Amino acid sequence: MALGSIDCEEFETLVNNENENLVDNENENLVEEEGNREFGSAEANQEDEMNTECEHSNIDDPGTWKIIDQNLRDFLVERGPVRRNCEFNFPKDDSSRHRYFSPVHYIRHLPNGEKIDRTWLIYSKLLDRVFCFCCKLFKQEGNKTELATEGFKDWRNIGERLKVYESGNENITCMNKWIELEERLGKHQTIDKSIQEQVNKEKEHLRRVLLMIIAVVKTLAKNNLPFRGSHEKIYEESNGLFLSIIEMIGEFDPTMEQHLRQIEKGEIHYHYLCHKIQMR
């Protein structure tokens, strides 16, 4: 419908029906009205994306940690837990006493008067609940504890609940995992040290094997000697000069001996002893 074919009253109605698309200051009040808001699919999708972006933009809030992958876990551990202090106005619940979370619970008071900081305890402004930082990040499958899942909000019993929880096996296990990952990240060792050592050991083993294979190939080629025999398996009759020399080396060198033993047991598939490697 052309603008010239409708009167002022019809034009005003059209503006009211489509006020969500108007962002100028003159129509700000229309955007805030509750009635007559009909969004098309494109606008609805755009709004959902914006809401999701806003929800996850506050990475400090555990209420936004929906799917925790290794990258997010590394980031959160390296940065450490972020907690709200006394200056924050914690919302009150609907009980007759209007209870709310108090930062005093961040501190554990021992019978001997010693005070210990509960570094693992964090508060979610989004959900008005508290979480265990380490259990939220490292909880085992099947752990349905509120502090590790949807959060805890029983302000009346929170003191006793925290005392029981922090001495539990699940909390202690997750706390150890938190400390271990924090130490590895601090040393830039995101892969477990023992695994990395094993990888380095395997690389050195293969390097030595390849050097011996190359030496045998060069020696046979230099003397214009045949490589292959009637068979291409180690420890078989008539398997050629190349494999025979490899077998002889294995009698004296522990690295080659281990390599041949792994071949026999089928522990490795790429042993670099077939005719294809000799032709390269």
C-alpha atoms as a PDB file:
ATOM      1  CA  MET A   1       0.000   0.000   0.000  1.00  0.00           C
ATOM      2  CA  ALA A   2       1.445   3.363  -0.978  1.00  0.00           C
ATOM      3  CA  LEU A   3       1.783   6.019   1.706  1.00  0.00           C
ATOM      4  CA  GLY A   4      -0.261   8.499  -0.291  1.00  0.00           C
ATOM      5  CA  SER A   5      -3.309   6.205  -0.324  1.00  0.00           C
ATOM      6  CA  ILE A   6      -3.828   6.111   3.484  1.00  0.00           C
ATOM      7  CA  ASP A   7      -4.843   8.903   5.854  1.00  0.00           C
ATOM      8  CA  CYS A   8      -2.984  10.015   8.983  1.00  0.00           C
ATOM      9  CA  GLU A   9      -4.962   7.754  11.317  1.00  0.00           C
ATOM     10  CA  GLU A  10      -4.135   4.637   9.246  1.00  0.00           C
ATOM     11  CA  PHE A  11      -0.472   5.639   9.089  1.00  0.00           C
ATOM     12  CA  GLU A  12      -0.330   6.043  12.874  1.00  0.00           C
ATOM     13  CA  THR A  13      -1.824   2.541  13.313  1.00  0.00           C
ATOM     14  CA  LEU A  14       0.792   1.113  10.934  1.00  0.00           C
ATOM     15  CA  VAL A  15       3.557   2.745  12.961  1.00  0.00           C
ATOM     16  CA  ASN A  16       2.202   1.272  16.207  1.00  0.00           C
ATOM     17  CA  ASN A  17       2.047  -2.264  14.731  1.00  0.00           C
ATOM     18  CA  GLU A  18       5.657  -2.137  13.534  1.00  0.00           C
ATOM     19  CA  ASN A  19       7.164  -0.090  16.368  1.00  0.00           C
ATOM     20  CA  GLU A  20       9.829  -2.716  17.135  1.00  0.00           C
ATOM     21  CA  ASN A  21      11.664  -1.782  13.943  1.00  0.00           C
ATOM     22  CA  LEU A  22      11.898   1.886  14.898  1.00  0.00           C
ATOM     23  CA  VAL A  23      14.995   2.834  16.899  1.00  0.00           C
ATOM     24  CA  ASP A  24      14.916   6.630  16.742  1.00  0.00           C
ATOM     25  CA  ASN A  25      14.241   8.652  19.892  1.00  0.00           C
ATOM     26  CA  GLU A  26      10.820   9.879  18.754  1.00  0.00           C
ATOM     27  CA  ASN A  27       9.439   6.305  18.817  1.00  0.00           C
ATOM     28  CA  GLU A  28      11.229   5.092  21.970  1.00  0.00           C
ATOM     29  CA  ASN A  29       8.006   5.009  24.001  1.00  0.00           C
ATOM     30  CA  LEU A  30       6.288   2.945  21.332  1.00  0.00           C
ATOM     31  CA  VAL A  31       9.060   0.315  21.486  1.00  0.00           C
ATOM     32  CA  GLU A  32       8.573  -0.073  25.244  1.00  0.00           C
ATOM     33  CA  GLU A  33       4.784  -0.633  25.068  1.00  0.00           C
ATOM     34  CA  GLU A  34       3.582  -4.155  25.834  1.00  0.00           C
ATOM     35  CA  GLY A  35       0.839  -4.401  23.197  1.00  0.00           C
ATOM     36  CA  ASN A  36       0.907  -5.046  19.470  1.00  0.00           C
ATOM     37  CA  ARG A  37       4.401  -6.546  19.200  1.00  0.00           C
ATOM     38  CA  GLU A  38       4.561  -9.040  16.356  1.00  0.00           C
ATOM     39  CA  PHE A  39       8.039 -10.108  15.337  1.00  0.00           C
ATOM     40  CA  GLY A  40       8.848 -11.789  12.066  1.00  0.00           C
ATOM     41  CA  SER A  41      11.062 -14.868  12.063  1.00  0.00           C
ATOM     42  CA  ALA A  42      14.158 -12.889  11.091  1.00  0.00           C
ATOM     43  CA  GLU A  43      13.691 -10.394  13.905  1.00  0.00           C
ATOM     44  CA  ALA A  44      12.959 -13.162  16.433  1.00  0.00           C
ATOM     45  CA  ASN A  45      16.103 -15.065  15.480  1.00  0.00           C
ATOM     46  CA  GLN A  46      18.159 -11.922  15.739  1.00  0.00           C
ATOM     47  CA  GLU A  47      16.783 -11.218  19.211  1.00  0.00           C
ATOM     48  CA  ASP A  48      17.532 -14.789  20.343  1.00  0.00           C
ATOM     49  CA  GLU A  49      21.109 -14.456  19.168  1.00  0.00           C
ATOM     50  CA  MET A  50      21.487 -11.151  21.021  1.00  0.00           C
ATOM     51  CA  ASN A  51      20.056 -12.641  24.207  1.00  0.00           C
ATOM     52  CA  THR A  52      22.404 -15.600  23.973  1.00  0.00           C
ATOM     53  CA  GLU A  53      25.341 -13.311  23.397  1.00  0.00           C
ATOM     54  CA  CYS A  54      24.400 -11.167  26.401  1.00  0.00           C
ATOM     55  CA  GLU A  55      23.899 -14.224  28.594  1.00  0.00           C
ATOM     56  CA  HIS A  56      27.319 -15.640  27.824  1.00  0.00           C
ATOM     57  CA  SER A  57      29.135 -12.314  27.768  1.00  0.00           C
ATOM     58  CA  ASN A  58      29.431 -12.400  31.581  1.00  0.00           C
ATOM     59  CA  ILE A  59      31.928 -15.215  31.805  1.00  0.00           C
ATOM     60  CA  ASP A  60      32.405 -14.520  35.512  1.00  0.00           C
ATOM     61  CA  ASP A  61      28.923 -15.821  36.333  1.00  0.00           C
ATOM     62  CA  PRO A  62      28.737 -19.631  36.782  1.00  0.00           C
ATOM     63  CA  GLY A  63      25.082 -19.472  35.802  1.00  0.00           C
ATOM     64  CA  THR A  64      26.201 -18.956  32.192  1.00  0.00           C
ATOM     65  CA  TRP A  65      28.464 -22.018  32.103  1.00  0.00           C
ATOM     66  CA  LYS A  66      26.196 -24.318  30.107  1.00  0.00           C
ATOM     67  CA  ILE A  67      28.620 -26.517  28.182  1.00  0.00           C
ATOM     68  CA  ILE A  68      32.107 -26.663  29.675  1.00  0.00           C
ATOM     69  CA  ASP A  69      34.694 -27.874  27.177  1.00  0.00           C
ATOM     70  CA  GLN A  70      38.444 -28.059  27.743  1.00  0.00           C
ATOM     71  CA  ASN A  71      39.082 -24.584  26.322  1.00  0.00           C
ATOM     72  CA  LEU A  72      36.582 -22.948  28.671  1.00  0.00           C
ATOM     73  CA  ARG A  73      37.858 -25.024  31.592  1.00  0.00           C
ATOM     74  CA  ASP A  74      41.454 -23.953  30.911  1.00  0.00           C
ATOM     75  CA  PHE A  75      40.415 -20.309  30.627  1.00  0.00           C
ATOM     76  CA  LEU A  76      38.415 -20.304  33.865  1.00  0.00           C
ATOM     77  CA  VAL A  77      41.121 -22.107  35.835  1.00  0.00           C
ATOM     78  CA  GLU A  78      43.875 -19.862  34.531  1.00  0.00           C
ATOM     79  CA  ARG A  79      41.873 -16.747  35.424  1.00  0.00           C
ATOM     80  CA  GLY A  80      40.587 -18.140  38.720  1.00  0.00           C
ATOM     81  CA  PRO A  81      37.160 -17.794  40.408  1.00  0.00           C
ATOM     82  CA  VAL A  82      35.580 -14.331  40.603  1.00  0.00           C
ATOM     83  CA  ARG A  83      33.337 -13.607  43.597  1.00  0.00           C
ATOM     84  CA  ARG A  84      30.970 -10.815  44.572  1.00  0.00           C
ATOM     85  CA  ASN A  85      31.826  -8.897  47.712  1.00  0.00           C
ATOM     86  CA  CYS A  86      29.887  -7.136  50.453  1.00  0.00           C
ATOM     87  CA  GLU A  87      29.196  -4.111  48.258  1.00  0.00           C
ATOM     88  CA  PHE A  88      26.853  -6.144  46.089  1.00  0.00           C
ATOM     89  CA  ASN A  89      23.172  -5.970  47.081  1.00  0.00           C
ATOM     90  CA  PHE A  90      22.272  -9.669  47.284  1.00  0.00           C
ATOM     91  CA  PRO A  91      18.544 -10.203  46.569  1.00  0.00           C
ATOM     92  CA  LYS A  92      16.287 -11.416  49.377  1.00  0.00           C
ATOM     93  CA  ASP A  93      14.090 -14.503  49.079  1.00  0.00           C
ATOM     94  CA  ASP A  94      10.325 -14.738  49.663  1.00  0.00           C
ATOM     95  CA  SER A  95      10.562 -16.182  53.164  1.00  0.00           C
ATOM     96  CA  SER A  96       9.211 -14.333  56.181  1.00  0.00           C
ATOM     97  CA  ARG A  97      12.748 -13.443  57.245  1.00  0.00           C
ATOM     98  CA  HIS A  98      13.798 -12.380  53.738  1.00  0.00           C
ATOM     99  CA  ARG A  99      17.009 -14.367  53.793  1.00  0.00           C
ATOM    100  CA  TYR A 100      19.802 -13.822  51.281  1.00  0.00           C
ATOM    101  CA  PHE A 101      23.334 -14.986  50.576  1.00  0.00           C
ATOM    102  CA  SER A 102      25.999 -13.370  52.721  1.00  0.00           C
ATOM    103  CA  PRO A 103      29.712 -13.114  51.835  1.00  0.00           C
ATOM    104  CA  VAL A 104      30.533 -14.294  55.368  1.00  0.00           C
ATOM    105  CA  HIS A 105      30.114 -17.811  53.982  1.00  0.00           C
ATOM    106  CA  TYR A 106      33.217 -17.288  51.871  1.00  0.00           C
ATOM    107  CA  ILE A 107      35.196 -17.852  55.090  1.00  0.00           C
ATOM    108  CA  ARG A 108      35.350 -21.135  56.986  1.00  0.00           C
ATOM    109  CA  HIS A 109      35.812 -20.820  60.752  1.00  0.00           C
ATOM    110  CA  LEU A 110      37.672 -23.700  62.398  1.00  0.00           C
ATOM    111  CA  PRO A 111      37.150 -24.683  66.056  1.00  0.00           C
ATOM    112  CA  ASN A 112      40.645 -23.424  66.926  1.00  0.00           C
ATOM    113  CA  GLY A 113      39.750 -19.945  65.660  1.00  0.00           C
ATOM    114  CA  GLU A 114      41.613 -20.286  62.363  1.00  0.00           C
ATOM    115  CA  LYS A 115      39.931 -18.845  59.264  1.00  0.00           C
ATOM    116  CA  ILE A 116      40.175 -20.473  55.833  1.00  0.00           C
ATOM    117  CA  ASP A 117      39.098 -18.849  52.591  1.00  0.00           C
ATOM    118  CA  ARG A 118      36.623 -20.984  50.648  1.00  0.00           C
ATOM    119  CA  THR A 119      38.119 -20.044  47.297  1.00  0.00           C
ATOM    120  CA  TRP A 120      35.897 -22.623  45.607  1.00  0.00           C
ATOM    121  CA  LEU A 121      32.620 -20.922  46.638  1.00  0.00           C
ATOM    122  CA  ILE A 122      31.208 -18.535  44.009  1.00  0.00           C
ATOM    123  CA  TYR A 123      27.903 -16.730  43.591  1.00  0.00           C
ATOM    124  CA  SER A 124      25.763 -16.442  40.449  1.00  0.00           C
ATOM    125  CA  LYS A 125      23.998 -13.122  40.023  1.00  0.00           C
ATOM    126  CA  LEU A 126      22.038 -14.553  37.103  1.00  0.00           C
ATOM    127  CA  LEU A 127      20.514 -17.396  39.164  1.00  0.00           C
ATOM    128  CA  ASP A 128      20.911 -16.049  42.720  1.00  0.00           C
ATOM    129  CA  ARG A 129      22.607 -19.308  43.680  1.00  0.00           C
ATOM    130  CA  VAL A 130      26.038 -20.412  44.855  1.00  0.00           C
ATOM    131  CA  PHE A 131      28.265 -22.986  43.165  1.00  0.00           C
ATOM    132  CA  CYS A 132      31.435 -24.906  43.845  1.00  0.00           C
ATOM    133  CA  PHE A 133      33.935 -23.604  41.306  1.00  0.00           C
ATOM    134  CA  CYS A 134      36.018 -26.780  41.051  1.00  0.00           C
ATOM    135  CA  CYS A 135      33.075 -29.210  41.105  1.00  0.00           C
ATOM    136  CA  LYS A 136      31.263 -27.185  38.450  1.00  0.00           C
ATOM    137  CA  LEU A 137      34.310 -27.585  36.179  1.00  0.00           C
ATOM    138  CA  PHE A 138      35.469 -31.102  37.071  1.00  0.00           C
ATOM    139  CA  LYS A 139      32.401 -32.985  38.332  1.00  0.00           C
ATOM    140  CA  GLN A 140      32.216 -36.670  37.534  1.00  0.00           C
ATOM    141  CA  GLU A 141      29.345 -38.164  35.576  1.00  0.00           C
ATOM    142  CA  GLY A 142      26.489 -38.895  37.941  1.00  0.00           C
ATOM    143  CA  ASN A 143      27.334 -36.108  40.374  1.00  0.00           C
ATOM    144  CA  LYS A 144      23.973 -34.453  41.027  1.00  0.00           C
ATOM    145  CA  THR A 145      25.042 -32.264  43.943  1.00  0.00           C
ATOM    146  CA  GLU A 146      23.396 -28.850  43.701  1.00  0.00           C
ATOM    147  CA  LEU A 147      26.663 -26.990  44.251  1.00  0.00           C
ATOM    148  CA  ALA A 148      28.085 -28.769  41.182  1.00  0.00           C
ATOM    149  CA  THR A 149      24.996 -28.636  38.962  1.00  0.00           C
ATOM    150  CA  GLU A 150      22.100 -26.148  39.190  1.00  0.00           C
ATOM    151  CA  GLY A 151      23.368 -24.259  42.243  1.00  0.00           C
ATOM    152  CA  PHE A 152      22.364 -24.036  45.913  1.00  0.00           C
ATOM    153  CA  LYS A 153      19.890 -21.489  47.325  1.00  0.00           C
ATOM    154  CA  ASP A 154      18.748 -22.718  50.750  1.00  0.00           C
ATOM    155  CA  TRP A 155      20.068 -19.678  52.627  1.00  0.00           C
ATOM    156  CA  ARG A 156      18.641 -20.918  55.926  1.00  0.00           C
ATOM    157  CA  ASN A 157      20.801 -24.065  55.911  1.00  0.00           C
ATOM    158  CA  ILE A 158      23.738 -22.943  53.805  1.00  0.00           C
ATOM    159  CA  GLY A 159      26.203 -22.824  56.701  1.00  0.00           C
ATOM    160  CA  GLU A 160      25.727 -26.466  57.670  1.00  0.00           C
ATOM    161  CA  ARG A 161      25.515 -27.552  54.025  1.00  0.00           C
ATOM    162  CA  LEU A 162      28.889 -26.031  53.202  1.00  0.00           C
ATOM    163  CA  LYS A 163      30.565 -27.680  56.201  1.00  0.00           C
ATOM    164  CA  VAL A 164      29.386 -31.123  55.092  1.00  0.00           C
ATOM    165  CA  TYR A 165      30.139 -30.515  51.429  1.00  0.00           C
ATOM    166  CA  GLU A 166      33.721 -29.272  51.713  1.00  0.00           C
ATOM    167  CA  SER A 167      34.806 -32.423  53.579  1.00  0.00           C
ATOM    168  CA  GLY A 168      33.229 -34.772  51.016  1.00  0.00           C
ATOM    169  CA  ASN A 169      35.229 -36.944  48.628  1.00  0.00           C
ATOM    170  CA  GLU A 170      33.777 -35.364  45.481  1.00  0.00           C
ATOM    171  CA  ASN A 171      34.789 -31.871  46.557  1.00  0.00           C
ATOM    172  CA  ILE A 172      38.280 -32.989  47.524  1.00  0.00           C
ATOM    173  CA  THR A 173      38.755 -34.883  44.245  1.00  0.00           C
ATOM    174  CA  CYS A 174      37.638 -31.918  42.132  1.00  0.00           C
ATOM    175  CA  MET A 175      39.782 -29.585  44.229  1.00  0.00           C
ATOM    176  CA  ASN A 176      42.865 -31.699  43.447  1.00  0.00           C
ATOM    177  CA  LYS A 177      42.041 -31.661  39.727  1.00  0.00           C
ATOM    178  CA  TRP A 178      41.687 -27.886  39.885  1.00  0.00           C
ATOM    179  CA  ILE A 179      45.095 -27.521  41.545  1.00  0.00           C
ATOM    180  CA  GLU A 180      46.777 -29.903  39.101  1.00  0.00           C
ATOM    181  CA  LEU A 181      45.404 -28.125  36.036  1.00  0.00           C
ATOM    182  CA  GLU A 182      46.297 -24.747  37.499  1.00  0.00           C
ATOM    183  CA  GLU A 183      49.883 -25.894  37.991  1.00  0.00           C
ATOM    184  CA  ARG A 184      50.116 -27.309  34.456  1.00  0.00           C
ATOM    185  CA  LEU A 185      48.719 -24.132  32.942  1.00  0.00           C
ATOM    186  CA  GLY A 186      51.193 -22.107  34.970  1.00  0.00           C
ATOM    187  CA  LYS A 187      54.007 -24.210  33.518  1.00  0.00           C
ATOM    188  CA  HIS A 188      52.386 -24.221  30.050  1.00  0.00           C
ATOM    189  CA  GLN A 189      51.909 -27.993  30.298  1.00  0.00           C
ATOM    190  CA  THR A 190      48.303 -28.532  29.252  1.00  0.00           C
ATOM    191  CA  ILE A 191      49.133 -32.172  28.385  1.00  0.00           C
ATOM    192  CA  ASP A 192      49.765 -34.460  31.322  1.00  0.00           C
ATOM    193  CA  LYS A 193      53.495 -34.596  32.014  1.00  0.00           C
ATOM    194  CA  SER A 194      53.708 -38.399  32.003  1.00  0.00           C
ATOM    195  CA  ILE A 195      51.897 -38.570  28.658  1.00  0.00           C
ATOM    196  CA  GLN A 196      54.231 -35.986  27.165  1.00  0.00           C
ATOM    197  CA  GLU A 197      57.255 -37.918  28.397  1.00  0.00           C
ATOM    198  CA  GLN A 198      55.901 -41.071  26.770  1.00  0.00           C
ATOM    199  CA  VAL A 199      55.365 -39.239  23.474  1.00  0.00           C
ATOM    200  CA  ASN A 200      58.942 -37.942  23.536  1.00  0.00           C
ATOM    201  CA  LYS A 201      60.241 -41.424  24.311  1.00  0.00           C
ATOM    202  CA  GLU A 202      58.376 -42.934  21.362  1.00  0.00           C
ATOM    203  CA  LYS A 203      59.656 -40.217  19.040  1.00  0.00           C
ATOM    204  CA  GLU A 204      63.261 -40.880  20.068  1.00  0.00           C
ATOM    205  CA  HIS A 205      62.768 -44.637  19.663  1.00  0.00           C
ATOM    206  CA  LEU A 206      61.428 -44.237  16.117  1.00  0.00           C
ATOM    207  CA  ARG A 207      64.186 -41.785  15.216  1.00  0.00           C
ATOM    208  CA  ARG A 208      66.876 -44.320  16.174  1.00  0.00           C
ATOM    209  CA  VAL A 209      65.120 -47.119  14.257  1.00  0.00           C
ATOM    210  CA  LEU A 210      64.907 -45.008  11.104  1.00  0.00           C
ATOM    211  CA  LEU A 211      68.583 -44.049  11.331  1.00  0.00           C
ATOM    212  CA  MET A 212      69.584 -47.733  11.424  1.00  0.00           C
ATOM    213  CA  ILE A 213      67.253 -48.578   8.524  1.00  0.00           C
ATOM    214  CA  ILE A 214      68.728 -45.747   6.439  1.00  0.00           C
ATOM    215  CA  ALA A 215      72.251 -46.990   7.213  1.00  0.00           C
ATOM    216  CA  VAL A 216      71.390 -50.500   5.988  1.00  0.00           C
ATOM    217  CA  VAL A 217      69.780 -49.136   2.808  1.00  0.00           C
ATOM    218  CA  LYS A 218      72.802 -46.962   2.038  1.00  0.00           C
ATOM    219  CA  THR A 219      75.212 -49.852   2.617  1.00  0.00           C
ATOM    220  CA  LEU A 220      73.344 -52.245   0.303  1.00  0.00           C
ATOM    221  CA  ALA A 221      72.912 -49.603  -2.371  1.00  0.00           C
ATOM    222  CA  LYS A 222      76.577 -48.581  -2.187  1.00  0.00           C
ATOM    223  CA  ASN A 223      77.665 -52.173  -2.824  1.00  0.00           C
ATOM    224  CA  ASN A 224      74.958 -52.778  -5.442  1.00  0.00           C
ATOM    225  CA  LEU A 225      73.519 -55.683  -3.451  1.00  0.00           C
ATOM    226  CA  PRO A 226      69.956 -56.999  -3.737  1.00  0.00           C
ATOM    227  CA  PHE A 227      67.512 -56.038  -0.996  1.00  0.00           C
ATOM    228  CA  ARG A 228      64.634 -58.459  -1.257  1.00  0.00           C
ATOM    229  CA  GLY A 229      64.359 -62.197  -1.031  1.00  0.00           C
ATOM    230  CA  SER A 230      61.504 -64.631  -1.571  1.00  0.00           C
ATOM    231  CA  HIS A 231      59.657 -63.371   1.525  1.00  0.00           C
ATOM    232  CA  GLU A 232      59.212 -60.005   3.227  1.00  0.00           C
ATOM    233  CA  LYS A 233      58.723 -61.073   6.829  1.00  0.00           C
ATOM    234  CA  ILE A 234      61.309 -60.968   9.571  1.00  0.00           C
ATOM    235  CA  TYR A 235      62.781 -64.214  10.878  1.00  0.00           C
ATOM    236  CA  GLU A 236      61.720 -66.196   7.784  1.00  0.00           C
ATOM    237  CA  GLU A 237      64.030 -68.106   5.476  1.00  0.00           C
ATOM    238  CA  SER A 238      65.085 -66.381   2.246  1.00  0.00           C
ATOM    239  CA  ASN A 239      63.764 -62.942   3.288  1.00  0.00           C
ATOM    240  CA  GLY A 240      66.695 -61.138   1.662  1.00  0.00           C
ATOM    241  CA  LEU A 241      69.766 -59.210   2.718  1.00  0.00           C
ATOM    242  CA  PHE A 242      67.903 -56.157   3.978  1.00  0.00           C
ATOM    243  CA  LEU A 243      65.786 -57.982   6.570  1.00  0.00           C
ATOM    244  CA  SER A 244      68.658 -60.324   7.458  1.00  0.00           C
ATOM    245  CA  ILE A 245      70.875 -57.373   8.380  1.00  0.00           C
ATOM    246  CA  ILE A 246      68.010 -55.771  10.354  1.00  0.00           C
ATOM    247  CA  GLU A 247      67.647 -59.037  12.285  1.00  0.00           C
ATOM    248  CA  MET A 248      71.386 -59.083  12.999  1.00  0.00           C
ATOM    249  CA  ILE A 249      71.274 -55.512  14.326  1.00  0.00           C
ATOM    250  CA  GLY A 250      68.413 -56.510  16.608  1.00  0.00           C
ATOM    251  CA  GLU A 251      70.701 -59.092  18.263  1.00  0.00           C
ATOM    252  CA  PHE A 252      72.985 -56.323  19.510  1.00  0.00           C
ATOM    253  CA  ASP A 253      70.927 -53.125  19.667  1.00  0.00           C
ATOM    254  CA  PRO A 254      68.078 -52.956  22.268  1.00  0.00           C
ATOM    255  CA  THR A 255      66.184 -50.331  20.286  1.00  0.00           C
ATOM    256  CA  MET A 256      65.973 -52.482  17.166  1.00  0.00           C
ATOM    257  CA  GLU A 257      65.333 -55.565  19.301  1.00  0.00           C
ATOM    258  CA  GLN A 258      62.277 -53.844  20.812  1.00  0.00           C
ATOM    259  CA  HIS A 259      61.119 -52.707  17.368  1.00  0.00           C
ATOM    260  CA  LEU A 260      61.266 -56.250  15.959  1.00  0.00           C
ATOM    261  CA  ARG A 261      59.524 -57.654  19.021  1.00  0.00           C
ATOM    262  CA  GLN A 262      56.668 -55.177  18.572  1.00  0.00           C
ATOM    263  CA  ILE A 263      56.341 -56.215  14.924  1.00  0.00           C
ATOM    264  CA  GLU A 264      56.099 -59.891  15.851  1.00  0.00           C
ATOM    265  CA  LYS A 265      53.406 -59.220  18.466  1.00  0.00           C
ATOM    266  CA  GLY A 266      51.422 -57.024  16.100  1.00  0.00           C
ATOM    267  CA  GLU A 267      51.726 -54.002  18.387  1.00  0.00           C
ATOM    268  CA  ILE A 268      52.712 -51.691  15.534  1.00  0.00           C
ATOM    269  CA  HIS A 269      51.499 -51.506  11.934  1.00  0.00           C
ATOM    270  CA  TYR A 270      54.000 -49.046  10.448  1.00  0.00           C
ATOM    271  CA  HIS A 271      57.382 -50.725  10.895  1.00  0.00           C
ATOM    272  CA  TYR A 272      59.196 -49.232   7.845  1.00  0.00           C
ATOM    273  CA  LEU A 273      60.680 -52.589   6.789  1.00  0.00           C
ATOM    274  CA  CYS A 274      58.630 -53.304   3.647  1.00  0.00           C
ATOM    275  CA  HIS A 275      59.973 -52.838   0.116  1.00  0.00           C
ATOM    276  CA  LYS A 276      58.148 -49.506  -0.267  1.00  0.00           C
ATOM    277  CA  ILE A 277      60.383 -47.784   2.277  1.00  0.00           C
ATOM    278  CA  GLN A 278      63.453 -49.184   0.527  1.00  0.00           C
ATOM    279  CA  MET A 279      62.436 -47.580  -2.773  1.00  0.00           C
ATOM    280  CA  ARG A 280      62.022 -44.060  -1.364  1.00  0.00           C
END
